[in-house]
């Protein structure tokens, strides 16, 4: 019902303005945020061993990085799995 309501708004006289606003915010802000998160996650994966086992790190640092990795990656994988398989064509 929400999709029908939003689609109906795009069919009105202000639909083009609303569509242009949605397109502007998606391309200007959301995509930049996604790219930033991807850069952080790629850097996190490629530098995991050197970051966790550096000579100046204390014993709990590796455990903390593991916890942060779980807190970050479990929701990302869960949301992506649901978004991919949760919506049928």
Protein backbone atom coordinates (compact mmCIF):
# COMPACT_ATOMS: atom_id res chain seq x y z
CA UNK A 1 0.00 0.00 0.00
CA UNK A 2 2.89 2.33 0.70
CA UNK A 3 4.31 1.70 -2.79
CA UNK A 4 0.93 2.40 -4.37
CA UNK A 5 0.65 5.64 -2.41
CA UNK A 6 4.12 6.81 -3.40
CA UNK A 7 3.56 5.85 -7.02
CA UNK A 8 0.26 7.75 -7.03
CA UNK A 9 2.10 10.86 -5.81
CA UNK A 10 4.42 10.65 -8.80
CA UNK A 11 1.39 10.68 -11.13
CA UNK A 12 0.13 14.06 -9.90
CA UNK A 13 1.06 17.52 -11.16
CA UNK A 14 3.98 17.80 -8.75
CA UNK A 15 5.16 14.28 -9.61
CA UNK A 16 8.08 15.46 -11.74
CA UNK A 17 9.29 17.79 -9.02
CA UNK A 18 9.01 15.01 -6.44
CA UNK A 19 10.78 12.57 -8.75
CA UNK A 20 13.56 15.10 -9.37
CA UNK A 21 13.99 15.64 -5.62
CA UNK A 22 14.16 11.89 -4.94
CA UNK A 23 16.67 11.44 -7.75
CA UNK A 24 18.79 14.34 -6.47
CA UNK A 25 18.99 13.02 -2.91
CA UNK A 26 19.69 9.44 -3.98
CA UNK A 27 22.46 10.41 -6.40
CA UNK A 28 23.97 13.14 -4.24
CA UNK A 29 23.85 11.80 -0.72
CA UNK A 30 22.91 8.14 -0.44
CA UNK A 31 25.34 6.95 -3.12
CA UNK A 32 28.18 8.92 -1.53
CA UNK A 33 27.40 7.35 1.84
CA UNK A 34 27.33 3.85 0.35
CA UNK A 35 30.66 4.44 -1.40
CA UNK A 36 32.19 5.66 1.86
CA UNK A 37 30.97 2.55 3.71
CA UNK A 38 32.34 0.32 0.93
CA UNK A 39 35.75 1.99 1.16
CA UNK A 40 35.80 1.50 4.93
CA UNK A 41 34.82 -2.16 4.64
CA UNK A 42 37.39 -2.92 1.91
CA UNK A 43 40.13 -1.26 3.95
CA UNK A 44 38.98 -3.22 6.97
CA UNK A 45 39.22 -6.55 5.14
CA UNK A 46 42.61 -5.97 3.48
CA UNK A 47 44.30 -4.57 6.60
CA UNK A 48 42.74 -6.90 9.18
CA UNK A 49 45.86 -8.89 10.03
CA UNK A 50 48.24 -5.94 10.29
CA UNK A 51 45.75 -3.91 12.29
CA UNK A 52 44.88 -6.67 14.75
CA UNK A 53 48.43 -7.96 15.32
CA UNK A 54 50.57 -4.87 15.24
CA UNK A 55 53.52 -4.64 17.66
CA UNK A 56 52.02 -1.76 19.62
CA UNK A 57 48.57 -3.33 20.19
CA UNK A 58 47.52 -4.75 23.54
CA UNK A 59 45.88 -8.16 24.00
CA UNK A 60 42.26 -6.98 23.91
CA UNK A 61 42.67 -5.09 20.64
CA UNK A 62 42.26 -8.17 18.43
CA UNK A 63 39.18 -9.23 20.40
CA UNK A 64 37.72 -5.72 20.05
CA UNK A 65 38.30 -5.74 16.29
CA UNK A 66 36.59 -9.12 16.04
CA UNK A 67 33.60 -7.77 17.96
CA UNK A 68 33.39 -4.68 15.76
CA UNK A 69 33.65 -6.85 12.66
CA UNK A 70 30.76 -9.02 13.82
CA UNK A 71 28.66 -5.98 14.75
CA UNK A 72 29.29 -4.49 11.29
CA UNK A 73 29.21 -7.51 8.98
CA UNK A 74 26.32 -9.53 10.44
CA UNK A 75 23.74 -6.77 9.81
CA UNK A 76 25.23 -5.98 6.38
CA UNK A 77 25.06 -9.61 5.24
CA UNK A 78 21.63 -10.12 6.80
CA UNK A 79 20.15 -7.02 5.18
CA UNK A 80 21.71 -7.85 1.79
CA UNK A 81 20.44 -11.43 1.98
CA UNK A 82 16.93 -10.26 2.81
CA UNK A 83 17.01 -7.58 0.12
CA UNK A 84 18.16 -10.10 -2.49
CA UNK A 85 15.98 -13.10 -1.64
CA UNK A 86 13.16 -11.38 0.26
CA UNK A 87 11.72 -9.68 -2.78
CA UNK A 88 10.51 -11.92 -5.54
CA UNK A 89 10.27 -10.69 -9.12
